[in-house]
C-alpha atoms as a PDB file:
ATOM      1  CA  UNK A   1       4.682   6.071   2.486  1.00  0.00           C
ATOM      2  CA  UNK A   2       1.180   5.773   1.018  1.00  0.00           C
ATOM      3  CA  UNK A   3       0.999   4.771  -2.615  1.00  0.00           C
ATOM      4  CA  UNK A   4      -1.274   6.227  -5.246  1.00  0.00           C
ATOM      5  CA  UNK A   5      -1.488   2.861  -6.984  1.00  0.00           C
ATOM      6  CA  UNK A   6      -3.422   0.603  -4.625  1.00  0.00           C
ATOM      7  CA  UNK A   7      -6.435  -0.952  -6.327  1.00  0.00           C
ATOM      8  CA  UNK A   8      -9.442   0.921  -4.896  1.00  0.00           C
ATOM      9  CA  UNK A   9     -11.715  -2.066  -5.576  1.00  0.00           C
ATOM     10  CA  UNK A  10     -10.118  -4.215  -2.862  1.00  0.00           C
ATOM     11  CA  UNK A  11      -9.248  -3.675   0.760  1.00  0.00           C
ATOM     12  CA  UNK A  12      -7.040  -6.026   2.787  1.00  0.00           C
ATOM     13  CA  UNK A  13      -9.958  -8.287   3.728  1.00  0.00           C
ATOM     14  CA  UNK A  14     -10.823  -8.874   0.070  1.00  0.00           C
ATOM     15  CA  UNK A  15      -7.362  -9.936  -1.126  1.00  0.00           C
ATOM     16  CA  UNK A  16      -7.458 -13.429  -2.616  1.00  0.00           C
ATOM     17  CA  UNK A  17      -4.375 -15.186  -1.295  1.00  0.00           C
ATOM     18  CA  UNK A  18      -2.851 -18.123  -3.143  1.00  0.00           C
ATOM     19  CA  UNK A  19      -3.048 -21.493  -1.359  1.00  0.00           C
ATOM     20  CA  UNK A  20       0.662 -22.240  -1.446  1.00  0.00           C
ATOM     21  CA  UNK A  21       3.126 -23.857   0.930  1.00  0.00           C
ATOM     22  CA  UNK A  22       5.933 -21.436   0.242  1.00  0.00           C
ATOM     23  CA  UNK A  23       9.467 -22.672  -0.266  1.00  0.00           C
ATOM     24  CA  UNK A  24      11.069 -19.298  -1.002  1.00  0.00           C
ATOM     25  CA  UNK A  25      10.511 -15.550  -0.946  1.00  0.00           C
ATOM     26  CA  UNK A  26      12.850 -13.421  -3.065  1.00  0.00           C
ATOM     27  CA  UNK A  27      13.246  -9.656  -3.156  1.00  0.00           C
ATOM     28  CA  UNK A  28      14.554  -7.011  -5.473  1.00  0.00           C
ATOM     29  CA  UNK A  29      17.085  -4.976  -3.488  1.00  0.00           C
ATOM     30  CA  UNK A  30      16.729  -1.264  -4.290  1.00  0.00           C
ATOM     31  CA  UNK A  31      13.217  -0.036  -3.607  1.00  0.00           C
ATOM     32  CA  UNK A  32      11.860  -3.333  -2.272  1.00  0.00           C
ATOM     33  CA  UNK A  33      14.055  -4.786   0.442  1.00  0.00           C
ATOM     34  CA  UNK A  34      16.039  -1.647   1.269  1.00  0.00           C
ATOM     35  CA  UNK A  35      15.491   2.079   0.892  1.00  0.00           C
ATOM     36  CA  UNK A  36      18.751   2.870  -0.889  1.00  0.00           C
ATOM     37  CA  UNK A  37      17.597   6.078  -2.549  1.00  0.00           C
ATOM     38  CA  UNK A  38      19.043   8.493   0.054  1.00  0.00           C
ATOM     39  CA  UNK A  39      22.607   7.255  -0.488  1.00  0.00           C
ATOM     40  CA  UNK A  40      22.256   7.005  -4.253  1.00  0.00           C
ATOM     41  CA  UNK A  41      20.747  10.491  -4.472  1.00  0.00           C
ATOM     42  CA  UNK A  42      23.412  11.988  -2.225  1.00  0.00           C
ATOM     43  CA  UNK A  43      26.156  10.457  -4.377  1.00  0.00           C
ATOM     44  CA  UNK A  44      24.594  11.845  -7.553  1.00  0.00           C
ATOM     45  CA  UNK A  45      24.397  15.325  -6.076  1.00  0.00           C
ATOM     46  CA  UNK A  46      27.965  15.082  -4.793  1.00  0.00           C
ATOM     47  CA  UNK A  47      29.038  14.297  -8.355  1.00  0.00           C
ATOM     48  CA  UNK A  48      26.984  17.185  -9.722  1.00  0.00           C
ATOM     49  CA  UNK A  49      28.682  19.419  -7.176  1.00  0.00           C
ATOM     50  CA  UNK A  50      32.100  18.307  -8.395  1.00  0.00           C
ATOM     51  CA  UNK A  51      31.008  19.483 -11.847  1.00  0.00           C
ATOM     52  CA  UNK A  52      29.654  22.794 -10.526  1.00  0.00           C
ATOM     53  CA  UNK A  53      26.050  21.780 -11.117  1.00  0.00           C
ATOM     54  CA  UNK A  54      23.281  22.556  -8.612  1.00  0.00           C
ATOM     55  CA  UNK A  55      21.857  19.553  -6.703  1.00  0.00           C
ATOM     56  CA  UNK A  56      18.639  17.926  -7.793  1.00  0.00           C
ATOM     57  CA  UNK A  57      15.715  17.573  -5.418  1.00  0.00           C
ATOM     58  CA  UNK A  58      15.555  14.179  -3.745  1.00  0.00           C
ATOM     59  CA  UNK A  59      11.987  13.754  -4.997  1.00  0.00           C
ATOM     60  CA  UNK A  60      13.230  14.084  -8.585  1.00  0.00           C
ATOM     61  CA  UNK A  61      15.899  11.399  -8.115  1.00  0.00           C
ATOM     62  CA  UNK A  62      13.970   8.774  -6.121  1.00  0.00           C
ATOM     63  CA  UNK A  63      11.794   7.353  -8.959  1.00  0.00           C
ATOM     64  CA  UNK A  64      14.895   6.645 -11.067  1.00  0.00           C
ATOM     65  CA  UNK A  65      16.815   4.615  -8.505  1.00  0.00           C
ATOM     66  CA  UNK A  66      15.479   1.200  -9.552  1.00  0.00           C
ATOM     67  CA  UNK A  67      16.610   1.833 -13.130  1.00  0.00           C
ATOM     68  CA  UNK A  68      20.302   1.735 -12.245  1.00  0.00           C
ATOM     69  CA  UNK A  69      23.428   3.835 -12.513  1.00  0.00           C
ATOM     70  CA  UNK A  70      23.114   4.773 -16.179  1.00  0.00           C
ATOM     71  CA  UNK A  71      19.577   6.073 -15.685  1.00  0.00           C
ATOM     72  CA  UNK A  72      20.696   8.159 -12.694  1.00  0.00           C
ATOM     73  CA  UNK A  73      23.580   9.638 -14.653  1.00  0.00           C
ATOM     74  CA  UNK A  74      21.284  10.481 -17.570  1.00  0.00           C
ATOM     75  CA  UNK A  75      19.012  12.218 -15.088  1.00  0.00           C
ATOM     76  CA  UNK A  76      21.893  14.058 -13.501  1.00  0.00           C
ATOM     77  CA  UNK A  77      23.848  15.029 -16.595  1.00  0.00           C
ATOM     78  CA  UNK A  78      21.522  14.894 -19.582  1.00  0.00           C
ATOM     79  CA  UNK A  79      19.948  12.299 -21.823  1.00  0.00           C
ATOM     80  CA  UNK A  80      22.842  12.324 -24.301  1.00  0.00           C
ATOM     81  CA  UNK A  81      25.628  12.245 -21.757  1.00  0.00           C
ATOM     82  CA  UNK A  82      26.327   8.528 -22.314  1.00  0.00           C
ATOM     83  CA  UNK A  83      27.634   9.424 -25.780  1.00  0.00           C
ATOM     84  CA  UNK A  84      30.220  11.782 -24.277  1.00  0.00           C
ATOM     85  CA  UNK A  85      33.776  10.334 -24.281  1.00  0.00           C
ATOM     86  CA  UNK A  86      34.136  11.237 -20.578  1.00  0.00           C
ATOM     87  CA  UNK A  87      31.091   9.179 -19.603  1.00  0.00           C
ATOM     88  CA  UNK A  88      33.090   6.162 -18.408  1.00  0.00           C
ATOM     89  CA  UNK A  89      35.131   8.373 -16.115  1.00  0.00           C
ATOM     90  CA  UNK A  90      31.968  10.015 -14.783  1.00  0.00           C
ATOM     91  CA  UNK A  91      30.373   6.642 -14.136  1.00  0.00           C
ATOM     92  CA  UNK A  92      33.458   5.355 -12.334  1.00  0.00           C
ATOM     93  CA  UNK A  93      33.538   8.411 -10.096  1.00  0.00           C
ATOM     94  CA  UNK A  94      29.836   8.093  -9.282  1.00  0.00           C
ATOM     95  CA  UNK A  95      30.251   4.467  -8.249  1.00  0.00           C
ATOM     96  CA  UNK A  96      33.291   5.405  -6.160  1.00  0.00           C
ATOM     97  CA  UNK A  97      31.273   8.022  -4.297  1.00  0.00           C
ATOM     98  CA  UNK A  98      28.368   5.653  -3.785  1.00  0.00           C
ATOM     99  CA  UNK A  99      30.497   2.748  -2.601  1.00  0.00           C
ATOM    100  CA  UNK A 100      32.223   5.016  -0.072  1.00  0.00           C
ATOM    101  CA  UNK A 101      28.902   5.684   1.687  1.00  0.00           C
ATOM    102  CA  UNK A 102      26.835   2.751   0.490  1.00  0.00           C
ATOM    103  CA  UNK A 103      24.880   2.323   3.724  1.00  0.00           C
ATOM    104  CA  UNK A 104      25.208   5.690   5.439  1.00  0.00           C
ATOM    105  CA  UNK A 105      21.468   6.333   5.208  1.00  0.00           C
ATOM    106  CA  UNK A 106      20.181   3.108   3.637  1.00  0.00           C
ATOM    107  CA  UNK A 107      17.735   1.198   5.817  1.00  0.00           C
ATOM    108  CA  UNK A 108      15.376  -1.732   5.404  1.00  0.00           C
ATOM    109  CA  UNK A 109      11.874  -0.581   4.551  1.00  0.00           C
ATOM    110  CA  UNK A 110       9.493  -0.593   7.524  1.00  0.00           C
ATOM    111  CA  UNK A 111       8.145  -4.095   8.044  1.00  0.00           C
ATOM    112  CA  UNK A 112      10.976  -5.903   6.247  1.00  0.00           C
ATOM    113  CA  UNK A 113      12.936  -6.804   9.399  1.00  0.00           C
ATOM    114  CA  UNK A 114       9.877  -8.432  10.950  1.00  0.00           C
ATOM    115  CA  UNK A 115       9.075 -10.188   7.683  1.00  0.00           C
ATOM    116  CA  UNK A 116      12.540 -11.726   7.432  1.00  0.00           C
ATOM    117  CA  UNK A 117      12.415 -12.899  11.032  1.00  0.00           C
ATOM    118  CA  UNK A 118       9.025 -14.504  10.407  1.00  0.00           C
ATOM    119  CA  UNK A 119      10.241 -16.284   7.266  1.00  0.00           C
ATOM    120  CA  UNK A 120      13.320 -17.562   9.073  1.00  0.00           C
ATOM    121  CA  UNK A 121      11.185 -18.764  11.972  1.00  0.00           C
ATOM    122  CA  UNK A 122       9.015 -20.716   9.562  1.00  0.00           C
ATOM    123  CA  UNK A 123      12.003 -22.208   7.759  1.00  0.00           C
ATOM    124  CA  UNK A 124      11.154 -20.437   4.501  1.00  0.00           C
ATOM    125  CA  UNK A 125      14.231 -19.476   2.499  1.00  0.00           C
ATOM    126  CA  UNK A 126      14.570 -15.871   1.433  1.00  0.00           C
ATOM    127  CA  UNK A 127      17.027 -14.179  -0.872  1.00  0.00           C
ATOM    128  CA  UNK A 128      17.817 -11.190  -3.054  1.00  0.00           C
ATOM    129  CA  UNK A 129      17.823 -10.969  -6.845  1.00  0.00           C
ATOM    130  CA  UNK A 130      18.978  -7.599  -8.129  1.00  0.00           C
ATOM    131  CA  UNK A 131      20.424  -6.041 -11.261  1.00  0.00           C
ATOM    132  CA  UNK A 132      22.933  -4.243  -9.028  1.00  0.00           C
ATOM    133  CA  UNK A 133      26.467  -5.544  -9.719  1.00  0.00           C
ATOM    134  CA  UNK A 134      28.016  -7.826  -7.105  1.00  0.00           C
ATOM    135  CA  UNK A 135      30.707  -5.344  -6.098  1.00  0.00           C
ATOM    136  CA  UNK A 136      27.862  -3.141  -4.799  1.00  0.00           C
ATOM    137  CA  UNK A 137      25.385  -5.814  -3.711  1.00  0.00           C
ATOM    138  CA  UNK A 138      27.801  -7.715  -1.481  1.00  0.00           C
ATOM    139  CA  UNK A 139      29.060  -4.813   0.658  1.00  0.00           C
ATOM    140  CA  UNK A 140      25.520  -3.460   0.988  1.00  0.00           C
ATOM    141  CA  UNK A 141      24.188  -6.807   2.179  1.00  0.00           C
ATOM    142  CA  UNK A 142      27.073  -7.009   4.645  1.00  0.00           C
ATOM    143  CA  UNK A 143      26.471  -3.480   5.921  1.00  0.00           C
ATOM    144  CA  UNK A 144      22.814  -4.365   6.512  1.00  0.00           C
ATOM    145  CA  UNK A 145      23.871  -7.564   8.350  1.00  0.00           C
ATOM    146  CA  UNK A 146      21.959  -9.689   5.852  1.00  0.00           C
ATOM    147  CA  UNK A 147      24.758 -11.465   4.005  1.00  0.00           C
ATOM    148  CA  UNK A 148      24.854 -14.477   6.341  1.00  0.00           C
ATOM    149  CA  UNK A 149      21.071 -14.673   6.693  1.00  0.00           C
ATOM    150  CA  UNK A 150      20.047 -14.668   3.035  1.00  0.00           C
ATOM    151  CA  UNK A 151      19.871 -17.996   1.234  1.00  0.00           C
ATOM    152  CA  UNK A 152      21.326 -16.221  -1.803  1.00  0.00           C
ATOM    153  CA  UNK A 153      22.187 -12.821  -3.212  1.00  0.00           C
ATOM    154  CA  UNK A 154      22.081 -12.941  -7.004  1.00  0.00           C
ATOM    155  CA  UNK A 155      23.460  -9.806  -8.632  1.00  0.00           C
ATOM    156  CA  UNK A 156      23.194  -8.397 -12.129  1.00  0.00           C
ATOM    157  CA  UNK A 157      26.491 -10.005 -13.106  1.00  0.00           C
ATOM    158  CA  UNK A 158      26.025 -13.335 -11.321  1.00  0.00           C
ATOM    159  CA  UNK A 159      24.531 -15.021 -14.380  1.00  0.00           C
ATOM    160  CA  UNK A 160      24.846 -14.308 -18.092  1.00  0.00           C
ATOM    161  CA  UNK A 161      21.520 -12.454 -18.032  1.00  0.00           C
ATOM    162  CA  UNK A 162      19.828  -9.696 -16.074  1.00  0.00           C
ATOM    163  CA  UNK A 163      16.186  -9.136 -15.275  1.00  0.00           C
ATOM    164  CA  UNK A 164      13.729  -9.173 -17.027  1.00  0.00           C
ATOM    165  CA  UNK A 165      15.330 -12.462 -18.127  1.00  0.00           C
ATOM    166  CA  UNK A 166      14.227 -15.232 -15.734  1.00  0.00           C
ATOM    167  CA  UNK A 167      17.707 -16.789 -15.431  1.00  0.00           C
ATOM    168  CA  UNK A 168      18.743 -14.887 -12.265  1.00  0.00           C
ATOM    169  CA  UNK A 169      15.549 -15.927 -10.492  1.00  0.00           C
ATOM    170  CA  UNK A 170      15.854 -19.545 -11.557  1.00  0.00           C
ATOM    171  CA  UNK A 171      19.457 -19.528 -10.358  1.00  0.00           C
ATOM    172  CA  UNK A 172      18.343 -18.058  -7.019  1.00  0.00           C
ATOM    173  CA  UNK A 173      15.809 -20.855  -6.599  1.00  0.00           C
ATOM    174  CA  UNK A 174      18.482 -23.427  -7.369  1.00  0.00           C
ATOM    175  CA  UNK A 175      20.927 -21.975  -4.842  1.00  0.00           C
ATOM    176  CA  UNK A 176      18.254 -21.630  -2.165  1.00  0.00           C
ATOM    177  CA  UNK A 177      16.822 -25.100  -2.800  1.00  0.00           C
ATOM    178  CA  UNK A 178      13.398 -23.746  -3.751  1.00  0.00           C
ATOM    179  CA  UNK A 179      10.911 -24.568  -6.462  1.00  0.00           C
ATOM    180  CA  UNK A 180       9.839 -21.611  -8.629  1.00  0.00           C
ATOM    181  CA  UNK A 181       6.203 -22.699  -8.460  1.00  0.00           C
ATOM    182  CA  UNK A 182       6.202 -22.366  -4.663  1.00  0.00           C
ATOM    183  CA  UNK A 183       8.234 -19.173  -4.566  1.00  0.00           C
ATOM    184  CA  UNK A 184       7.319 -15.510  -4.834  1.00  0.00           C
ATOM    185  CA  UNK A 185       9.336 -12.605  -6.204  1.00  0.00           C
ATOM    186  CA  UNK A 186       8.698  -9.091  -4.921  1.00  0.00           C
ATOM    187  CA  UNK A 187       9.865  -6.030  -6.836  1.00  0.00           C
ATOM    188  CA  UNK A 188       9.100  -2.416  -7.655  1.00  0.00           C
ATOM    189  CA  UNK A 189       9.766  -2.393 -11.409  1.00  0.00           C
ATOM    190  CA  UNK A 190       8.011  -3.920 -14.394  1.00  0.00           C
ATOM    191  CA  UNK A 191      11.165  -5.912 -15.206  1.00  0.00           C
ATOM    192  CA  UNK A 192      10.875  -7.579 -11.790  1.00  0.00           C
ATOM    193  CA  UNK A 193       7.342  -8.752 -12.403  1.00  0.00           C
ATOM    194  CA  UNK A 194       8.176  -9.904 -15.927  1.00  0.00           C
ATOM    195  CA  UNK A 195      11.196 -11.873 -14.711  1.00  0.00           C
ATOM    196  CA  UNK A 196       9.200 -13.514 -11.934  1.00  0.00           C
ATOM    197  CA  UNK A 197       6.344 -14.470 -14.222  1.00  0.00           C
ATOM    198  CA  UNK A 198       8.742 -15.890 -16.829  1.00  0.00           C
ATOM    199  CA  UNK A 199      10.422 -17.928 -14.095  1.00  0.00           C
ATOM    200  CA  UNK A 200       7.065 -19.449 -13.105  1.00  0.00           C
ATOM    201  CA  UNK A 201       6.925 -17.678  -9.748  1.00  0.00           C
ATOM    202  CA  UNK A 202       4.185 -15.748  -8.024  1.00  0.00           C
ATOM    203  CA  UNK A 203       4.872 -12.019  -8.188  1.00  0.00           C
ATOM    204  CA  UNK A 204       4.141  -9.047  -5.952  1.00  0.00           C
ATOM    205  CA  UNK A 205       4.503  -5.423  -7.035  1.00  0.00           C
ATOM    206  CA  UNK A 206       5.923  -3.276  -4.224  1.00  0.00           C
ATOM    207  CA  UNK A 207       3.962  -0.067  -4.602  1.00  0.00           C
ATOM    208  CA  UNK A 208       6.049   1.603  -1.882  1.00  0.00           C
ATOM    209  CA  UNK A 209       9.142   1.383  -4.087  1.00  0.00           C
ATOM    210  CA  UNK A 210      10.733   3.643  -6.667  1.00  0.00           C
ATOM    211  CA  UNK A 211       7.923   4.004  -9.184  1.00  0.00           C
ATOM    212  CA  UNK A 212       7.637   7.056 -11.418  1.00  0.00           C
ATOM    213  CA  UNK A 213       4.306   8.860 -11.668  1.00  0.00           C
ATOM    214  CA  UNK A 214       3.926   7.932 -15.343  1.00  0.00           C
ATOM    215  CA  UNK A 215       4.274   4.201 -14.645  1.00  0.00           C
ATOM    216  CA  UNK A 216       1.204   1.982 -14.187  1.00  0.00           C
ATOM    217  CA  UNK A 217       2.131  -0.906 -11.873  1.00  0.00           C
ATOM    218  CA  UNK A 218      -1.435  -2.170 -11.819  1.00  0.00           C
ATOM    219  CA  UNK A 219      -0.900  -3.059 -15.494  1.00  0.00           C
ATOM    220  CA  UNK A 220       2.230  -5.155 -14.866  1.00  0.00           C
ATOM    221  CA  UNK A 221       0.188  -8.369 -14.422  1.00  0.00           C
ATOM    222  CA  UNK A 222       1.578  -9.067 -10.978  1.00  0.00           C
ATOM    223  CA  UNK A 223      -0.278 -11.587  -8.849  1.00  0.00           C
ATOM    224  CA  UNK A 224      -0.646  -9.009  -6.103  1.00  0.00           C
ATOM    225  CA  UNK A 225       0.106  -5.401  -5.155  1.00  0.00           C
ATOM    226  CA  UNK A 226       1.352  -4.396  -1.735  1.00  0.00           C
ATOM    227  CA  UNK A 227       1.052  -0.915  -0.300  1.00  0.00           C
ATOM    228  CA  UNK A 228       3.687  -1.462   2.400  1.00  0.00           C
ATOM    229  CA  UNK A 229       6.030  -4.266   3.401  1.00  0.00           C
ATOM    230  CA  UNK A 230       3.664  -4.956   6.298  1.00  0.00           C
ATOM    231  CA  UNK A 231       1.187  -6.276   3.699  1.00  0.00           C
ATOM    232  CA  UNK A 232       3.471  -9.084   2.518  1.00  0.00           C
ATOM    233  CA  UNK A 233       2.878 -11.585   5.326  1.00  0.00           C
ATOM    234  CA  UNK A 234      -0.934 -11.296   5.093  1.00  0.00           C
ATOM    235  CA  UNK A 235      -0.767 -11.746   1.318  1.00  0.00           C
ATOM    236  CA  UNK A 236       1.380 -14.844   1.762  1.00  0.00           C
ATOM    237  CA  UNK A 237      -1.146 -16.142   4.291  1.00  0.00           C
ATOM    238  CA  UNK A 238       1.524 -16.165   7.020  1.00  0.00           C
ATOM    239  CA  UNK A 239       0.252 -13.449   9.339  1.00  0.00           C
ATOM    240  CA  UNK A 240      -0.255 -14.424  12.964  1.00  0.00           C
END
């Protein structure tokens, strides 16, 4: 997928790469490491169908995926639906539907598999830091055969705070045995970049992720912007 956000002033040969011996590379999960939108969108439309509501177009759902369950339910059932007394029941049913088919269509983004193999070959720890709750993160990581490979998988309820607070990223570095100053965090939401910067890490904005048309990722103050996952290794200075 080609992004509309790539800085037109620089091509790949002009990217200034940091001179860093990397100790860790950490990823947001939805929209950065894995393309989870198909399963999340299908679950939302299944729930709409149960309530006799027409399905939404996939293109309308995709940009909201990184903002979590509540944002998807607001999209699917109205901005004020969270105030409805049946909201908790609706949310529980949505999560039930999603968990049932959590990896039916979810796949790693193109280039991620090769990236992980390269990092592992170089002895660079990699892990996941997501706001997704652990009861969803863990089975998804297992379904993708990543749970035993990742140095850590920090979920939204692993620590007392969620992104954009830096605590989850600092905890990930601790678990993985990495220093924040020699680690990079890659994500597709402004909260990801803010959390990484506050943790003292280098940050990369994944422009191929779930970014709404009204968002301006070039204004997030990330250290770099990547058009595809294939651009990560060159930016890290680790390309063959």
